[in-house]
PDB file of all heavy atoms in Angstrom:
ATOM      1  N   GLU A   1       4.958   1.832  12.367  1.00  0.00           N
ATOM      2  CA  GLU A   1       4.463   0.796  11.466  1.00  0.00           C
ATOM      3  C   GLU A   1       3.556   1.381  10.385  1.00  0.00           C
ATOM      4  O   GLU A   1       3.640   0.984   9.220  1.00  0.00           O
ATOM      5  CB  GLU A   1       3.689  -0.262  12.261  1.00  0.00           C
ATOM      6  CG  GLU A   1       4.562  -1.182  13.091  1.00  0.00           C
ATOM      7  CD  GLU A   1       3.752  -2.279  13.739  1.00  0.00           C
ATOM      8  OE1 GLU A   1       3.306  -3.192  13.009  1.00  0.00           O
ATOM      9  OE2 GLU A   1       3.552  -2.231  14.961  1.00  0.00           O
ATOM     10  N   ILE A   2       2.688   2.301  10.794  1.00  0.00           N
ATOM     11  CA  ILE A   2       1.767   2.900   9.830  1.00  0.00           C
ATOM     12  C   ILE A   2       2.524   3.741   8.815  1.00  0.00           C
ATOM     13  O   ILE A   2       2.280   3.642   7.599  1.00  0.00           O
ATOM     14  CB  ILE A   2       0.688   3.730  10.550  1.00  0.00           C
ATOM     15  CG1 ILE A   2      -0.262   2.797  11.310  1.00  0.00           C
ATOM     16  CG2 ILE A   2      -0.092   4.592   9.554  1.00  0.00           C
ATOM     17  CD1 ILE A   2      -1.256   3.508  12.190  1.00  0.00           C
ATOM     18  N   ASP A   3       3.440   4.559   9.285  1.00  0.00           N
ATOM     19  CA  ASP A   3       4.219   5.397   8.361  1.00  0.00           C
ATOM     20  C   ASP A   3       4.964   4.538   7.337  1.00  0.00           C
ATOM     21  O   ASP A   3       5.050   4.885   6.147  1.00  0.00           O
ATOM     22  CB  ASP A   3       5.218   6.263   9.129  1.00  0.00           C
ATOM     23  CG  ASP A   3       4.553   7.408   9.880  1.00  0.00           C
ATOM     24  OD1 ASP A   3       3.329   7.600   9.719  1.00  0.00           O
ATOM     25  OD2 ASP A   3       5.256   8.111  10.630  1.00  0.00           O
ATOM     26  N   LYS A   4       5.497   3.427   7.801  1.00  0.00           N
ATOM     27  CA  LYS A   4       6.265   2.555   6.892  1.00  0.00           C
ATOM     28  C   LYS A   4       5.373   2.007   5.787  1.00  0.00           C
ATOM     29  O   LYS A   4       5.753   2.056   4.597  1.00  0.00           O
ATOM     30  CB  LYS A   4       6.881   1.402   7.687  1.00  0.00           C
ATOM     31  CG  LYS A   4       7.703   0.442   6.824  1.00  0.00           C
ATOM     32  CD  LYS A   4       8.322  -0.664   7.670  1.00  0.00           C
ATOM     33  CE  LYS A   4       9.096  -1.635   6.797  1.00  0.00           C
ATOM     34  NZ  LYS A   4       9.717  -2.738   7.603  1.00  0.00           N
ATOM     35  N   VAL A   5       4.177   1.495   6.145  1.00  0.00           N
ATOM     36  CA  VAL A   5       3.332   0.899   5.095  1.00  0.00           C
ATOM     37  C   VAL A   5       2.747   1.965   4.176  1.00  0.00           C
ATOM     38  O   VAL A   5       2.548   1.719   2.982  1.00  0.00           O
ATOM     39  CB  VAL A   5       2.210   0.023   5.701  1.00  0.00           C
ATOM     40  CG1 VAL A   5       2.805  -1.137   6.477  1.00  0.00           C
ATOM     41  CG2 VAL A   5       1.233   0.823   6.545  1.00  0.00           C
ATOM     42  N   VAL A   6       2.502   3.149   4.709  1.00  0.00           N
ATOM     43  CA  VAL A   6       2.019   4.248   3.863  1.00  0.00           C
ATOM     44  C   VAL A   6       3.072   4.594   2.813  1.00  0.00           C
ATOM     45  O   VAL A   6       2.758   4.742   1.620  1.00  0.00           O
ATOM     46  CB  VAL A   6       1.655   5.477   4.706  1.00  0.00           C
ATOM     47  CG1 VAL A   6       1.470   6.712   3.821  1.00  0.00           C
ATOM     48  CG2 VAL A   6       0.377   5.219   5.505  1.00  0.00           C
ATOM     49  N   HIS A   7       4.322   4.719   3.234  1.00  0.00           N
ATOM     50  CA  HIS A   7       5.399   5.025   2.282  1.00  0.00           C
ATOM     51  C   HIS A   7       5.564   3.901   1.262  1.00  0.00           C
ATOM     52  O   HIS A   7       5.826   4.159   0.075  1.00  0.00           O
ATOM     53  CB  HIS A   7       6.714   5.274   3.021  1.00  0.00           C
ATOM     54  CG  HIS A   7       6.781   6.616   3.691  1.00  0.00           C
ATOM     55  ND1 HIS A   7       6.757   7.804   2.984  1.00  0.00           N
ATOM     56  CD2 HIS A   7       6.845   6.956   5.001  1.00  0.00           C
ATOM     57  CE1 HIS A   7       6.816   8.824   3.835  1.00  0.00           C
ATOM     58  NE2 HIS A   7       6.861   8.340   5.060  1.00  0.00           N
ATOM     59  N   ASN A   8       5.392   2.669   1.710  1.00  0.00           N
ATOM     60  CA  ASN A   8       5.504   1.540   0.777  1.00  0.00           C
ATOM     61  C   ASN A   8       4.432   1.610  -0.304  1.00  0.00           C
ATOM     62  O   ASN A   8       4.704   1.343  -1.478  1.00  0.00           O
ATOM     63  CB  ASN A   8       5.398   0.216   1.534  1.00  0.00           C
ATOM     64  CG  ASN A   8       6.630  -0.103   2.356  1.00  0.00           C
ATOM     65  OD1 ASN A   8       7.690   0.490   2.152  1.00  0.00           O
ATOM     66  ND2 ASN A   8       6.502  -1.030   3.286  1.00  0.00           N
ATOM     67  N   VAL A   9       3.216   1.960   0.101  1.00  0.00           N
ATOM     68  CA  VAL A   9       2.134   2.093  -0.879  1.00  0.00           C
ATOM     69  C   VAL A   9       2.426   3.242  -1.836  1.00  0.00           C
ATOM     70  O   VAL A   9       2.275   3.115  -3.058  1.00  0.00           O
ATOM     71  CB  VAL A   9       0.773   2.290  -0.189  1.00  0.00           C
ATOM     72  CG1 VAL A   9      -0.305   2.650  -1.219  1.00  0.00           C
ATOM     73  CG2 VAL A   9       0.361   1.027   0.558  1.00  0.00           C
ATOM     74  N   LEU A  10       2.843   4.374  -1.293  1.00  0.00           N
ATOM     75  CA  LEU A  10       3.145   5.527  -2.147  1.00  0.00           C
ATOM     76  C   LEU A  10       4.236   5.195  -3.152  1.00  0.00           C
ATOM     77  O   LEU A  10       4.151   5.569  -4.331  1.00  0.00           O
ATOM     78  CB  LEU A  10       3.560   6.720  -1.278  1.00  0.00           C
ATOM     79  CG  LEU A  10       2.481   7.306  -0.367  1.00  0.00           C
ATOM     80  CD1 LEU A  10       3.064   8.415   0.494  1.00  0.00           C
ATOM     81  CD2 LEU A  10       1.308   7.829  -1.180  1.00  0.00           C
ATOM     82  N   ASP A  11       5.244   4.464  -2.698  1.00  0.00           N
ATOM     83  CA  ASP A  11       6.350   4.091  -3.590  1.00  0.00           C
ATOM     84  C   ASP A  11       5.927   3.054  -4.633  1.00  0.00           C
ATOM     85  O   ASP A  11       6.520   2.967  -5.706  1.00  0.00           O
ATOM     86  CB  ASP A  11       7.523   3.528  -2.779  1.00  0.00           C
ATOM     87  CG  ASP A  11       8.254   4.604  -1.991  1.00  0.00           C
ATOM     88  OD1 ASP A  11       8.104   5.795  -2.334  1.00  0.00           O
ATOM     89  OD2 ASP A  11       8.958   4.251  -1.022  1.00  0.00           O
ATOM     90  N   SER A  12       4.886   2.282  -4.330  1.00  0.00           N
ATOM     91  CA  SER A  12       4.484   1.200  -5.233  1.00  0.00           C
ATOM     92  C   SER A  12       3.866   1.716  -6.529  1.00  0.00           C
ATOM     93  O   SER A  12       3.952   1.059  -7.572  1.00  0.00           O
ATOM     94  CB  SER A  12       3.468   0.283  -4.545  1.00  0.00           C
ATOM     95  OG  SER A  12       2.176   0.890  -4.484  1.00  0.00           O
ATOM     96  N   GLY A  13       3.231   2.885  -6.462  1.00  0.00           N
ATOM     97  CA  GLY A  13       2.567   3.435  -7.635  1.00  0.00           C
ATOM     98  C   GLY A  13       1.203   2.826  -7.920  1.00  0.00           C
ATOM     99  O   GLY A  13       0.542   3.190  -8.897  1.00  0.00           O
ATOM    100  N   TRP A  14       0.732   1.909  -7.076  1.00  0.00           N
ATOM    101  CA  TRP A  14      -0.580   1.271  -7.254  1.00  0.00           C
ATOM    102  C   TRP A  14      -1.443   1.652  -6.062  1.00  0.00           C
ATOM    103  O   TRP A  14      -1.160   1.247  -4.944  1.00  0.00           O
ATOM    104  CB  TRP A  14      -0.417  -0.250  -7.340  1.00  0.00           C
ATOM    105  CG  TRP A  14      -1.664  -0.938  -7.858  1.00  0.00           C
ATOM    106  CD1 TRP A  14      -2.924  -0.871  -7.334  1.00  0.00           C
ATOM    107  CD2 TRP A  14      -1.755  -1.790  -8.997  1.00  0.00           C
ATOM    108  NE1 TRP A  14      -3.802  -1.615  -8.062  1.00  0.00           N
ATOM    109  CE2 TRP A  14      -3.112  -2.199  -9.105  1.00  0.00           C
ATOM    110  CE3 TRP A  14      -0.835  -2.247  -9.938  1.00  0.00           C
ATOM    111  CZ2 TRP A  14      -3.561  -3.054 -10.108  1.00  0.00           C
ATOM    112  CZ3 TRP A  14      -1.289  -3.099 -10.935  1.00  0.00           C
ATOM    113  CH2 TRP A  14      -2.630  -3.491 -11.021  1.00  0.00           C
ATOM    114  N   TYR A  15      -2.538   2.400  -6.307  1.00  0.00           N
ATOM    115  CA  TYR A  15      -3.259   3.033  -5.211  1.00  0.00           C
ATOM    116  C   TYR A  15      -4.708   2.566  -5.046  1.00  0.00           C
ATOM    117  O   TYR A  15      -5.349   2.913  -4.057  1.00  0.00           O
ATOM    118  CB  TYR A  15      -3.224   4.556  -5.384  1.00  0.00           C
ATOM    119  CG  TYR A  15      -1.821   5.091  -5.553  1.00  0.00           C
ATOM    120  CD1 TYR A  15      -1.498   5.951  -6.597  1.00  0.00           C
ATOM    121  CD2 TYR A  15      -0.805   4.710  -4.686  1.00  0.00           C
ATOM    122  CE1 TYR A  15      -0.207   6.430  -6.767  1.00  0.00           C
ATOM    123  CE2 TYR A  15       0.490   5.163  -4.842  1.00  0.00           C
ATOM    124  CZ  TYR A  15       0.786   6.027  -5.886  1.00  0.00           C
ATOM    125  OH  TYR A  15       2.060   6.485  -6.042  1.00  0.00           O
ATOM    126  N   ILE A  16      -5.242   1.844  -6.017  1.00  0.00           N
ATOM    127  CA  ILE A  16      -6.638   1.388  -5.944  1.00  0.00           C
ATOM    128  C   ILE A  16      -6.695  -0.111  -6.230  1.00  0.00           C
ATOM    129  O   ILE A  16      -6.144  -0.579  -7.241  1.00  0.00           O
ATOM    130  CB  ILE A  16      -7.534   2.141  -6.964  1.00  0.00           C
ATOM    131  CG1 ILE A  16      -7.591   3.633  -6.650  1.00  0.00           C
ATOM    132  CG2 ILE A  16      -8.939   1.538  -6.985  1.00  0.00           C
ATOM    133  CD1 ILE A  16      -8.338   4.011  -5.382  1.00  0.00           C
ATOM    134  N   LEU A  17      -7.367  -0.878  -5.352  1.00  0.00           N
ATOM    135  CA  LEU A  17      -7.631  -2.308  -5.560  1.00  0.00           C
ATOM    136  C   LEU A  17      -6.378  -3.079  -5.996  1.00  0.00           C
ATOM    137  O   LEU A  17      -6.355  -3.744  -7.027  1.00  0.00           O
ATOM    138  CB  LEU A  17      -8.763  -2.508  -6.585  1.00  0.00           C
ATOM    139  CG  LEU A  17     -10.140  -1.961  -6.170  1.00  0.00           C
ATOM    140  CD1 LEU A  17     -11.179  -2.317  -7.226  1.00  0.00           C
ATOM    141  CD2 LEU A  17     -10.582  -2.471  -4.818  1.00  0.00           C
ATOM    142  N   GLY A  18      -5.373  -2.986  -5.157  1.00  0.00           N
ATOM    143  CA  GLY A  18      -4.133  -3.709  -5.429  1.00  0.00           C
ATOM    144  C   GLY A  18      -3.856  -4.783  -4.390  1.00  0.00           C
ATOM    145  O   GLY A  18      -4.772  -5.342  -3.774  1.00  0.00           O
ATOM    146  N   LYS A  19      -2.579  -5.046  -4.147  1.00  0.00           N
ATOM    147  CA  LYS A  19      -2.175  -6.124  -3.249  1.00  0.00           C
ATOM    148  C   LYS A  19      -2.604  -5.892  -1.814  1.00  0.00           C
ATOM    149  O   LYS A  19      -2.937  -6.843  -1.101  1.00  0.00           O
ATOM    150  CB  LYS A  19      -0.654  -6.305  -3.322  1.00  0.00           C
ATOM    151  CG  LYS A  19      -0.143  -6.794  -4.672  1.00  0.00           C
ATOM    152  CD  LYS A  19       1.368  -6.929  -4.662  1.00  0.00           C
ATOM    153  CE  LYS A  19       1.894  -7.417  -6.008  1.00  0.00           C
ATOM    154  NZ  LYS A  19       3.380  -7.520  -6.009  1.00  0.00           N
ATOM    155  N   GLN A  20      -2.576  -4.648  -1.375  1.00  0.00           N
ATOM    156  CA  GLN A  20      -2.939  -4.364   0.018  1.00  0.00           C
ATOM    157  C   GLN A  20      -4.416  -4.660   0.280  1.00  0.00           C
ATOM    158  O   GLN A  20      -4.767  -5.225   1.319  1.00  0.00           O
ATOM    159  CB  GLN A  20      -2.620  -2.906   0.364  1.00  0.00           C
ATOM    160  CG  GLN A  20      -1.146  -2.564   0.372  1.00  0.00           C
ATOM    161  CD  GLN A  20      -0.383  -3.316   1.446  1.00  0.00           C
ATOM    162  OE1 GLN A  20      -0.912  -3.630   2.504  1.00  0.00           O
ATOM    163  NE2 GLN A  20       0.888  -3.596   1.175  1.00  0.00           N
ATOM    164  N   VAL A  21      -5.278  -4.272  -0.642  1.00  0.00           N
ATOM    165  CA  VAL A  21      -6.709  -4.540  -0.476  1.00  0.00           C
ATOM    166  C   VAL A  21      -6.960  -6.043  -0.461  1.00  0.00           C
ATOM    167  O   VAL A  21      -7.689  -6.561   0.402  1.00  0.00           O
ATOM    168  CB  VAL A  21      -7.535  -3.847  -1.581  1.00  0.00           C
ATOM    169  CG1 VAL A  21      -8.983  -4.328  -1.556  1.00  0.00           C
ATOM    170  CG2 VAL A  21      -7.493  -2.332  -1.398  1.00  0.00           C
ATOM    171  N   LYS A  22      -6.375  -6.758  -1.402  1.00  0.00           N
ATOM    172  CA  LYS A  22      -6.577  -8.210  -1.457  1.00  0.00           C
ATOM    173  C   LYS A  22      -6.084  -8.888  -0.177  1.00  0.00           C
ATOM    174  O   LYS A  22      -6.732  -9.801   0.355  1.00  0.00           O
ATOM    175  CB  LYS A  22      -5.871  -8.797  -2.676  1.00  0.00           C
ATOM    176  CG  LYS A  22      -6.534  -8.436  -4.004  1.00  0.00           C
ATOM    177  CD  LYS A  22      -5.787  -9.046  -5.177  1.00  0.00           C
ATOM    178  CE  LYS A  22      -6.448  -8.670  -6.502  1.00  0.00           C
ATOM    179  NZ  LYS A  22      -5.695  -9.213  -7.663  1.00  0.00           N
ATOM    180  N   ALA A  23      -4.941  -8.432   0.312  1.00  0.00           N
ATOM    181  CA  ALA A  23      -4.392  -9.028   1.536  1.00  0.00           C
ATOM    182  C   ALA A  23      -5.273  -8.713   2.741  1.00  0.00           C
ATOM    183  O   ALA A  23      -5.535  -9.586   3.575  1.00  0.00           O
ATOM    184  CB  ALA A  23      -2.971  -8.523   1.769  1.00  0.00           C
ATOM    185  N   PHE A  24      -5.738  -7.462   2.823  1.00  0.00           N
ATOM    186  CA  PHE A  24      -6.614  -7.116   3.945  1.00  0.00           C
ATOM    187  C   PHE A  24      -7.908  -7.909   3.879  1.00  0.00           C
ATOM    188  O   PHE A  24      -8.404  -8.396   4.914  1.00  0.00           O
ATOM    189  CB  PHE A  24      -6.919  -5.625   3.971  1.00  0.00           C
ATOM    190  CG  PHE A  24      -7.954  -5.280   5.011  1.00  0.00           C
ATOM    191  CD1 PHE A  24      -7.629  -5.306   6.362  1.00  0.00           C
ATOM    192  CD2 PHE A  24      -9.261  -4.978   4.650  1.00  0.00           C
ATOM    193  CE1 PHE A  24      -8.587  -5.033   7.332  1.00  0.00           C
ATOM    194  CE2 PHE A  24     -10.221  -4.705   5.603  1.00  0.00           C
ATOM    195  CZ  PHE A  24      -9.889  -4.726   6.959  1.00  0.00           C
TER     196      PHE A  24
END
């Protein structure tokens, strides 16, 4: 699960204060 979300973030091109931070 962790590897999958890490790859998703890397592929997204957005690394600071994006959708993942807001969702968390």
